[in-house]
Every structure is written in C-alpha cells, then in structure tokens.
Amino acid sequence: MESLTMNAKRAYGDYQTPTEFADEICKYLKNNLNIKNSESIEICVEGESIILKKYYKMNNLINLINEYIKIFECLIDSGLIITDREKVITTSKDFSYLINKNINIAFLKIMEERRQVICKEQKKLAIIDGFDVNSSYIILPILVDGDVFGSIVCLKNDILRDTDILSANILNYLIKRNI
C-alpha cells in the first residue's frame, strides 16, 4: 500500500488558509490514487493512522453478486468474471484464481467505451496481463448514471447463444439495481 507522510505544519505554511491546504491534499490524493471527482474516498482509522482508500461500491455487493453467480451457473454453461474498474472482484468457480488480479489497460478501455462487446465465435480475450482465454464471450460494462463501475464477462467454450447474452444482461441489471 502506498503511503503519504506530510509534515502538516511545514506544508500548511505554504498556503493562505487551511481550506487551500485541504484542497491541495485532496487534489494530490485523487491524482495519485486515480480517483475521479465523482468517485468517493473511504476513510479508515487504524490506531494512530488514518487510511484513505478508493471506495468501491462494487466491493459491498460481492456476497450478493456471488449468490447471483451461483444461480446463473445453474442456468447457463458459461464462466462468469465480475470486475470493478481495477481488478477482478469475483468469478464463477472455474476462474476463482483470478480474484483480486488487476485488469489490463486494454480491457479497461473496452469497459470505458460503455458498450457491450459480443463475440459469438472463439476468439482470444485478455482480461488481465498473463491471462488470455480463447473463448466466445460477452463483455457488459456495469453502468450507473453514465459512470462505469465495472464489468461482467461471460465466457463460453462453444458458440455463445442468445440465451447466454440474455442471461448476462439480466445479471447486469440485477447488479446495477443494487449499486
């Protein structure tokens, strides 16, 4: 974990008011933690330390999403991978080794295009660096009020069917309803 240590008295001396100082800290943290203005920061106190982390709404839904995945695994014969904007947060059984792995930049760009990507035939897909899968797939960004919160990836070893696409869209809807 990255940490930021500042001498508050020395740093505050460069600013006219405490508000200017606080604004500068916020700018610094948002830039270094890759946080957009519309995103939140989680503040935790641990002993004498204050810990600031990027707040992910998706992380609060993992248990619910896992229940959805169990249901969808019974309905469709597909692998499921759920990501936030930085990493894989949960998966169906076959891909559990990917949990907490960072997604690659190319996959993030696909999510940020804010459109579903459907490949009904077998094709190479790279979600994280060092993990390529040859599969048919659908990628659905999880969008709430125009912001990308993550994605749903449905992978299939054979041809992707319309029922697989419909099921992935239903899962997307259920997740968005709870964000």
Foldseek 3Di string as FASTA:
>chain_A
DDDDDDDCVVQCVVDDDVVVSVVVVVVVCCVVQVNDPVWDWDWDDDPPDIDIHTDAPVLVCVVVLVVLQVVVVVVDVWKKWKWFLFATCQIPPVPRVRHPATFDPVLSVVLLVQDKDWFQAFDWDGGHPPDIDGFTWIKHFQDDPRDGGIIMIITDRGGDDPVNVVSRVVSSVVSNVSD
